[in-house]
Amino acid sequence: MLSLLSYGSQAQGEMRVGIKGAFNNTYLRNENVTNRNFKLDYETTYGESFGFSFNYAVTKNYSLDANILISKQKQNYQFNFGTEANPDLAELKNKLRYFDIPVLFKMKNNMGLYVEVGPQMSILFSDKETFDYKNSTLSYEEQHFKSDFRGFGVAGVIGAGADIRLNDNFEINAGVRLGYMFTDATNEFKDPDEKYPLDEKFSPVYGYDGSHSMNAAINYYANEYVDYKRTNRIWGGINIGLTYKIEKKEETKNIK
């Protein structure tokens, strides 16, 4: 980012730096959740992101937009350890934090309306999991199971919106972005004893020793053993930013 800033100050195009925030609907999609019917289901979750932006306009209508964001990726689940007629409910809450670095190609018209698309790198730096099961002693709050989640991911991002110029230097940008992580957000266990653990390790019916997250249990146990499925991080929401145009110093020449 510093290199881009240094280059932009010397280049002929317009350079802007600023701040950006977003409010997103967040989702950790896994087929082993989707296919469990009443036994396991998603709950709607939201997470915010904020950080810095850098935009370098190659021409009036084309630019590169790079961000460094701290993003919350949340996902809540509802377990049912009973039957559909007589439910025995528990709630699982995952709260992940990422450093997100999208680098997007941005196209806009003369009215300031734009579309953007590009890749994003994500680095996991925090994970917290809460399991609330009132009919058991297994409940815990904001425990860390970082080995169950992958530390790095690659995603694709697409967005649209409008740049609204306030004056010669300041500009507001508002729009929507959607993101999809192509790489797996969780880790698959390689050891057969870890991959198919005994009932007492994962099953809330027989007890839980806390060695792995309940999110990992989604992949390997829910009244029957299942094959591991990848987890895709998905998000989408409203983005708002404020940018400032960096003025370039005019070169002066002595005229004799």
Protein backbone atom coordinates (compact mmCIF):
# COMPACT_ATOMS: atom_id res chain seq x y z
CA MET A 1 0.00 0.00 0.00
CA LEU A 2 2.84 2.39 0.80
CA SER A 3 4.47 1.55 -2.53
CA LEU A 4 1.24 2.31 -4.37
CA LEU A 5 0.93 5.58 -2.45
CA SER A 6 4.47 6.57 -3.42
CA TYR A 7 3.88 5.64 -7.05
CA GLY A 8 0.56 7.48 -7.18
CA SER A 9 2.12 10.69 -5.92
CA GLN A 10 4.48 10.68 -8.91
CA ALA A 11 2.03 9.45 -11.57
CA GLN A 12 -0.23 11.57 -13.72
CA GLY A 13 -3.59 10.03 -12.70
CA GLU A 14 -5.77 11.09 -9.80
CA MET A 15 -4.96 9.51 -6.44
CA ARG A 16 -7.34 9.28 -3.48
CA VAL A 17 -6.99 7.91 0.04
CA GLY A 18 -9.78 7.52 2.55
CA ILE A 19 -11.75 5.46 5.04
CA LYS A 20 -14.39 2.83 4.38
CA GLY A 21 -17.00 0.98 6.42
CA ALA A 22 -19.57 -1.70 5.65
CA PHE A 23 -22.50 -3.53 7.24
CA ASN A 24 -22.85 -7.07 5.87
CA ASN A 25 -25.06 -10.11 6.00
CA THR A 26 -22.51 -12.89 6.72
CA TYR A 27 -22.77 -16.59 6.00
CA LEU A 28 -20.56 -19.69 6.43
CA ARG A 29 -22.03 -22.13 3.94
CA ASN A 30 -21.50 -25.86 4.46
CA GLU A 31 -23.47 -28.71 2.86
CA ASN A 32 -23.43 -30.64 6.11
CA VAL A 33 -25.54 -27.88 7.64
CA THR A 34 -27.81 -27.40 4.64
CA ASN A 35 -28.69 -31.10 4.47
CA ARG A 36 -29.56 -31.68 8.17
CA ASN A 37 -33.21 -30.60 7.98
CA PHE A 38 -34.63 -29.86 11.46
CA LYS A 39 -31.49 -31.16 13.23
CA LEU A 40 -29.36 -28.17 12.31
CA ASP A 41 -30.15 -24.85 10.70
CA TYR A 42 -28.62 -21.44 10.00
CA GLU A 43 -29.62 -18.28 11.81
CA THR A 44 -29.38 -14.87 10.12
CA THR A 45 -26.19 -13.05 11.14
CA TYR A 46 -24.58 -9.69 10.44
CA GLY A 47 -21.05 -8.31 10.72
CA GLU A 48 -19.36 -5.00 10.07
CA SER A 49 -16.04 -4.06 8.50
CA PHE A 50 -13.96 -0.89 8.52
CA GLY A 51 -10.57 0.29 7.32
CA PHE A 52 -8.65 2.32 4.77
CA SER A 53 -8.99 2.72 1.02
CA PHE A 54 -6.65 3.73 -1.78
CA ASN A 55 -7.83 4.58 -5.28
CA TYR A 56 -5.67 5.36 -8.28
CA ALA A 57 -7.51 6.58 -11.40
CA VAL A 58 -5.71 5.49 -14.55
CA THR A 59 -8.20 7.56 -16.58
CA LYS A 60 -11.35 9.49 -15.73
CA ASN A 61 -13.47 6.32 -15.98
CA TYR A 62 -11.09 3.51 -14.94
CA SER A 63 -9.28 3.03 -11.65
CA LEU A 64 -7.79 0.52 -9.22
CA ASP A 65 -9.32 0.46 -5.74
CA ALA A 66 -7.45 -1.27 -2.90
CA ASN A 67 -8.64 -1.59 0.72
CA ILE A 68 -7.25 -2.82 4.02
CA LEU A 69 -10.24 -3.84 6.16
CA ILE A 70 -10.90 -5.46 9.51
CA SER A 71 -14.00 -7.59 8.93
CA LYS A 72 -16.27 -9.58 11.25
CA GLN A 73 -17.63 -12.81 9.79
CA LYS A 74 -20.35 -14.22 12.03
CA GLN A 75 -22.51 -17.32 11.74
CA ASN A 76 -25.07 -18.60 14.23
CA TYR A 77 -26.63 -22.08 14.11
CA GLN A 78 -29.53 -23.76 15.87
CA PHE A 79 -29.06 -27.40 16.89
CA ASN A 80 -31.96 -29.71 17.70
CA PHE A 81 -30.89 -32.75 19.71
CA GLY A 82 -34.49 -33.84 20.16
CA THR A 83 -37.16 -34.62 17.61
CA GLU A 84 -39.16 -32.35 15.35
CA ALA A 85 -42.18 -32.77 17.62
CA ASN A 86 -40.20 -32.46 20.88
CA PRO A 87 -37.19 -30.23 20.18
CA ASP A 88 -34.15 -30.01 22.44
CA LEU A 89 -32.47 -26.80 21.25
CA ALA A 90 -28.97 -25.37 21.48
CA GLU A 91 -27.35 -22.38 19.80
CA LEU A 92 -23.87 -22.13 18.31
CA LYS A 93 -22.28 -18.73 17.56
CA ASN A 94 -19.10 -18.30 15.50
CA LYS A 95 -17.39 -14.91 15.38
CA LEU A 96 -14.35 -14.70 13.07
CA ARG A 97 -12.23 -11.61 12.35
CA TYR A 98 -10.23 -11.18 9.17
CA PHE A 99 -7.81 -8.74 7.63
CA ASP A 100 -9.39 -8.38 4.19
CA ILE A 101 -7.36 -6.90 1.30
CA PRO A 102 -9.49 -6.52 -1.85
CA VAL A 103 -7.88 -5.10 -5.01
CA LEU A 104 -10.65 -4.18 -7.42
CA PHE A 105 -10.84 -2.90 -10.98
CA LYS A 106 -13.38 -0.06 -10.99
CA MET A 107 -15.28 1.34 -13.97
CA LYS A 108 -17.54 4.40 -13.72
CA ASN A 109 -19.44 6.70 -16.04
CA ASN A 110 -19.50 10.49 -16.13
CA MET A 111 -22.33 10.56 -13.56
CA GLY A 112 -20.18 8.74 -11.00
CA LEU A 113 -22.03 5.39 -11.18
CA TYR A 114 -19.58 2.49 -10.96
CA VAL A 115 -19.12 -1.26 -10.99
CA GLU A 116 -16.10 -3.02 -9.48
CA VAL A 117 -14.69 -6.53 -9.54
CA GLY A 118 -11.52 -8.26 -8.38
CA PRO A 119 -9.77 -10.65 -5.99
CA GLN A 120 -9.41 -10.44 -2.21
CA MET A 121 -6.90 -11.95 0.19
CA SER A 122 -8.08 -12.68 3.73
CA ILE A 123 -6.03 -13.39 6.85
CA LEU A 124 -7.78 -14.78 9.94
CA PHE A 125 -6.54 -13.19 13.16
CA SER A 126 -9.27 -13.96 15.70
CA ASP A 127 -11.88 -16.65 16.31
CA LYS A 128 -14.46 -16.94 19.09
CA GLU A 129 -17.10 -19.60 19.52
CA THR A 130 -20.03 -19.70 21.96
CA PHE A 131 -22.17 -22.79 22.53
CA ASP A 132 -25.37 -22.38 24.54
CA TYR A 133 -27.09 -25.65 25.47
CA LYS A 134 -29.32 -25.12 28.48
CA ASN A 135 -30.12 -28.81 29.00
CA SER A 136 -26.45 -29.77 29.32
CA THR A 137 -23.23 -28.78 31.07
CA LEU A 138 -21.51 -28.38 27.67
CA SER A 139 -22.12 -24.65 27.31
CA TYR A 140 -19.12 -22.36 26.90
CA GLU A 141 -18.59 -18.73 25.89
CA GLU A 142 -16.11 -17.21 23.43
CA GLN A 143 -13.66 -20.12 23.34
CA HIS A 144 -10.84 -20.21 20.78
CA PHE A 145 -10.40 -23.11 18.34
CA LYS A 146 -8.12 -21.47 15.79
CA SER A 147 -6.67 -24.78 14.55
CA ASP A 148 -10.13 -25.68 13.23
CA PHE A 149 -10.19 -22.65 10.91
CA ARG A 150 -7.84 -21.81 8.04
CA GLY A 151 -5.67 -18.75 8.49
CA PHE A 152 -5.64 -17.62 4.86
CA GLY A 153 -8.24 -17.43 2.11
CA VAL A 154 -8.80 -16.12 -1.42
CA ALA A 155 -12.12 -14.64 -2.47
CA GLY A 156 -13.79 -12.87 -5.36
CA VAL A 157 -15.58 -9.53 -4.85
CA ILE A 158 -18.08 -7.68 -7.02
CA GLY A 159 -19.83 -4.41 -6.31
CA ALA A 160 -21.72 -1.39 -7.64
CA GLY A 161 -22.51 2.10 -6.42
CA ALA A 162 -21.93 5.81 -6.91
CA ASP A 163 -19.13 8.31 -6.25
CA ILE A 164 -20.55 11.65 -5.07
CA ARG A 165 -18.12 14.56 -5.29
CA LEU A 166 -18.50 17.07 -2.45
CA ASN A 167 -15.84 19.51 -3.63
CA ASP A 168 -12.50 19.49 -5.45
CA ASN A 169 -10.91 17.21 -2.84
CA PHE A 170 -13.57 15.23 -0.96
CA GLU A 171 -15.78 12.49 -2.36
CA ILE A 172 -18.32 10.11 -0.82
CA ASN A 173 -18.72 6.65 -2.27
CA ALA A 174 -21.74 4.50 -1.43
CA GLY A 175 -22.69 1.12 -2.83
CA VAL A 176 -23.06 -2.60 -2.29
CA ARG A 177 -20.48 -5.42 -2.37
CA LEU A 178 -20.79 -9.18 -2.51
CA GLY A 179 -17.95 -11.54 -1.65
CA TYR A 180 -17.38 -15.29 -1.96
CA MET A 181 -14.35 -17.13 -0.59
CA PHE A 182 -13.28 -19.86 -3.00
CA THR A 183 -10.91 -21.51 -0.53
CA ASP A 184 -12.07 -23.53 2.48
CA ALA A 185 -12.61 -21.54 5.69
CA THR A 186 -12.17 -24.63 7.92
CA ASN A 187 -9.55 -27.36 8.31
CA GLU A 188 -10.09 -31.02 7.54
CA PHE A 189 -8.62 -33.48 10.05
CA LYS A 190 -5.98 -35.76 8.52
CA ASP A 191 -5.64 -38.19 11.42
CA PRO A 192 -8.34 -40.92 11.18
CA ASP A 193 -8.82 -40.77 14.95
CA GLU A 194 -9.50 -37.04 14.64
CA LYS A 195 -11.60 -37.40 11.51
CA TYR A 196 -13.95 -39.96 13.04
CA PRO A 197 -13.73 -39.36 16.77
CA LEU A 198 -15.41 -41.42 19.43
CA ASP A 199 -18.84 -40.27 20.56
CA GLU A 200 -17.53 -38.68 23.74
CA LYS A 201 -15.39 -36.21 21.77
CA PHE A 202 -18.07 -34.51 19.66
CA SER A 203 -21.52 -35.67 20.61
CA PRO A 204 -23.39 -33.47 23.09
CA VAL A 205 -25.37 -36.59 24.00
CA TYR A 206 -22.32 -38.40 25.37
CA GLY A 207 -20.18 -35.49 26.48
CA TYR A 208 -17.65 -33.08 25.06
CA ASP A 209 -13.99 -32.63 25.97
CA GLY A 210 -13.44 -29.22 24.37
CA SER A 211 -10.59 -30.30 22.08
CA HIS A 212 -12.40 -29.07 18.95
CA SER A 213 -15.03 -26.52 18.07
CA MET A 214 -18.70 -27.37 17.64
CA ASN A 215 -18.25 -25.95 14.14
CA ALA A 216 -15.90 -28.87 13.48
CA ALA A 217 -18.54 -31.22 14.87
CA ILE A 218 -20.90 -30.01 12.14
CA ASN A 219 -18.62 -31.69 9.61
CA TYR A 220 -18.13 -34.98 11.43
CA TYR A 221 -20.99 -35.70 13.77
CA ALA A 222 -24.72 -34.99 14.10
CA ASN A 223 -26.33 -38.26 15.21
CA GLU A 224 -24.41 -39.96 12.37
CA TYR A 225 -20.96 -39.69 10.86
CA VAL A 226 -20.69 -37.72 7.64
CA ASP A 227 -17.96 -36.89 5.16
CA TYR A 228 -16.13 -33.61 5.48
CA LYS A 229 -17.45 -30.72 3.36
CA ARG A 230 -15.70 -27.42 2.71
CA THR A 231 -17.01 -24.22 4.28
CA ASN A 232 -17.33 -21.17 2.04
CA ARG A 233 -17.33 -17.71 3.54
CA ILE A 234 -19.99 -15.49 1.92
CA TRP A 235 -20.93 -11.89 2.68
CA GLY A 236 -22.76 -8.96 1.16
CA GLY A 237 -23.91 -5.55 2.26
CA ILE A 238 -23.77 -1.79 2.13
CA ASN A 239 -20.42 0.04 1.81
CA ILE A 240 -19.84 3.73 2.59
CA GLY A 241 -16.55 5.60 2.24
CA LEU A 242 -15.01 9.04 2.27
CA THR A 243 -11.96 9.79 0.12
CA TYR A 244 -9.57 12.72 -0.20
CA LYS A 245 -7.77 13.71 -3.38
CA ILE A 246 -4.02 14.07 -2.91
CA GLU A 247 -2.75 17.11 -4.75
CA LYS A 248 0.41 16.69 -6.81
CA LYS A 249 3.20 19.19 -6.59
CA GLU A 250 3.69 21.09 -9.82
CA GLU A 251 7.17 20.92 -11.27
CA THR A 252 8.73 24.33 -11.81
CA LYS A 253 11.40 25.25 -14.33
CA ASN A 254 13.67 28.25 -14.44
CA ILE A 255 13.22 30.19 -17.66
CA LYS A 256 16.17 32.28 -18.72
